[in-house]
């Protein structure tokens, strides 16, 4: 059994402040075929500015990313 604590993602702004990121709701942009995400990937958005990041499993090629088992 793995006991992995939750990860807190923070986004640093140019003014030096940091804000937590939360999982973003799917949008038209995230469903765009050119930005297609592999299974298991998650989009997180900064709560202050809505800048987004993608979190997925670590591989050298993002197209090969697989969801955690």
C-alpha atoms as a PDB file:
ATOM      1  CA  UNK A   1       0.000   0.000   0.000  1.00  0.00           C
ATOM      2  CA  UNK A   2       1.272   3.453  -0.893  1.00  0.00           C
ATOM      3  CA  UNK A   3       0.628   6.377   1.396  1.00  0.00           C
ATOM      4  CA  UNK A   4       1.317   9.428  -0.750  1.00  0.00           C
ATOM      5  CA  UNK A   5       0.371  12.797   0.763  1.00  0.00           C
ATOM      6  CA  UNK A   6      -1.528  15.280  -1.411  1.00  0.00           C
ATOM      7  CA  UNK A   7       0.550  17.675  -3.479  1.00  0.00           C
ATOM      8  CA  UNK A   8      -0.003  21.414  -3.168  1.00  0.00           C
ATOM      9  CA  UNK A   9       0.681  23.192  -6.467  1.00  0.00           C
ATOM     10  CA  UNK A  10       1.593  26.878  -6.179  1.00  0.00           C
ATOM     11  CA  UNK A  11       1.936  29.395  -8.997  1.00  0.00           C
ATOM     12  CA  UNK A  12       4.447  32.231  -8.467  1.00  0.00           C
ATOM     13  CA  UNK A  13       3.570  35.628  -9.904  1.00  0.00           C
ATOM     14  CA  UNK A  14       6.077  38.243 -11.055  1.00  0.00           C
ATOM     15  CA  UNK A  15       5.458  40.262  -7.891  1.00  0.00           C
ATOM     16  CA  UNK A  16       6.760  37.311  -5.837  1.00  0.00           C
ATOM     17  CA  UNK A  17       3.387  36.247  -4.473  1.00  0.00           C
ATOM     18  CA  UNK A  18       2.362  32.595  -4.685  1.00  0.00           C
ATOM     19  CA  UNK A  19      -1.163  31.319  -5.177  1.00  0.00           C
ATOM     20  CA  UNK A  20      -2.555  27.776  -4.981  1.00  0.00           C
ATOM     21  CA  UNK A  21      -3.694  26.008  -8.116  1.00  0.00           C
ATOM     22  CA  UNK A  22      -6.876  23.930  -8.326  1.00  0.00           C
ATOM     23  CA  UNK A  23      -8.035  21.403 -10.904  1.00  0.00           C
ATOM     24  CA  UNK A  24      -9.640  23.335 -13.754  1.00  0.00           C
ATOM     25  CA  UNK A  25     -13.030  22.598 -15.264  1.00  0.00           C
ATOM     26  CA  UNK A  26     -12.857  21.425 -18.901  1.00  0.00           C
ATOM     27  CA  UNK A  27     -13.157  24.305 -21.357  1.00  0.00           C
ATOM     28  CA  UNK A  28     -13.394  24.623 -25.126  1.00  0.00           C
ATOM     29  CA  UNK A  29      -9.628  25.279 -25.231  1.00  0.00           C
ATOM     30  CA  UNK A  30      -8.818  22.169 -23.185  1.00  0.00           C
ATOM     31  CA  UNK A  31     -10.991  20.059 -25.498  1.00  0.00           C
ATOM     32  CA  UNK A  32      -9.256  21.429 -28.624  1.00  0.00           C
ATOM     33  CA  UNK A  33      -7.764  18.479 -30.605  1.00  0.00           C
ATOM     34  CA  UNK A  34      -4.431  20.332 -30.931  1.00  0.00           C
ATOM     35  CA  UNK A  35      -4.190  20.401 -27.145  1.00  0.00           C
ATOM     36  CA  UNK A  36      -5.535  16.875 -26.602  1.00  0.00           C
ATOM     37  CA  UNK A  37      -4.506  15.389 -23.275  1.00  0.00           C
ATOM     38  CA  UNK A  38      -3.659  11.770 -22.733  1.00  0.00           C
ATOM     39  CA  UNK A  39      -5.672   9.711 -20.264  1.00  0.00           C
ATOM     40  CA  UNK A  40      -4.709  10.522 -16.707  1.00  0.00           C
ATOM     41  CA  UNK A  41      -3.482  14.065 -17.375  1.00  0.00           C
ATOM     42  CA  UNK A  42      -5.007  16.860 -15.312  1.00  0.00           C
ATOM     43  CA  UNK A  43      -5.239  20.618 -15.928  1.00  0.00           C
ATOM     44  CA  UNK A  44      -4.733  22.940 -12.954  1.00  0.00           C
ATOM     45  CA  UNK A  45      -5.403  26.695 -12.945  1.00  0.00           C
ATOM     46  CA  UNK A  46      -4.044  29.409 -10.655  1.00  0.00           C
ATOM     47  CA  UNK A  47      -6.866  30.677  -8.420  1.00  0.00           C
ATOM     48  CA  UNK A  48      -5.691  34.277  -8.840  1.00  0.00           C
ATOM     49  CA  UNK A  49      -4.968  34.590 -12.583  1.00  0.00           C
ATOM     50  CA  UNK A  50      -6.283  31.376 -14.229  1.00  0.00           C
ATOM     51  CA  UNK A  51      -2.886  30.531 -15.802  1.00  0.00           C
ATOM     52  CA  UNK A  52      -2.963  26.786 -16.437  1.00  0.00           C
ATOM     53  CA  UNK A  53      -0.520  23.875 -16.224  1.00  0.00           C
ATOM     54  CA  UNK A  54      -0.846  20.222 -17.208  1.00  0.00           C
ATOM     55  CA  UNK A  55       0.201  17.493 -14.763  1.00  0.00           C
ATOM     56  CA  UNK A  56       0.787  13.999 -16.111  1.00  0.00           C
ATOM     57  CA  UNK A  57       3.054  11.023 -15.565  1.00  0.00           C
ATOM     58  CA  UNK A  58       6.726  11.598 -16.331  1.00  0.00           C
ATOM     59  CA  UNK A  59       7.856  10.323 -19.722  1.00  0.00           C
ATOM     60  CA  UNK A  60      10.194  11.752 -22.303  1.00  0.00           C
ATOM     61  CA  UNK A  61       7.305  12.035 -24.765  1.00  0.00           C
ATOM     62  CA  UNK A  62       4.034  13.520 -23.416  1.00  0.00           C
ATOM     63  CA  UNK A  63       2.102  11.495 -26.030  1.00  0.00           C
ATOM     64  CA  UNK A  64       3.301   8.325 -24.265  1.00  0.00           C
ATOM     65  CA  UNK A  65       1.994   9.395 -20.850  1.00  0.00           C
ATOM     66  CA  UNK A  66      -0.161   6.789 -19.195  1.00  0.00           C
ATOM     67  CA  UNK A  67      -2.560   7.148 -16.263  1.00  0.00           C
ATOM     68  CA  UNK A  68      -1.325   5.835 -12.913  1.00  0.00           C
ATOM     69  CA  UNK A  69      -2.313   2.223 -12.219  1.00  0.00           C
END
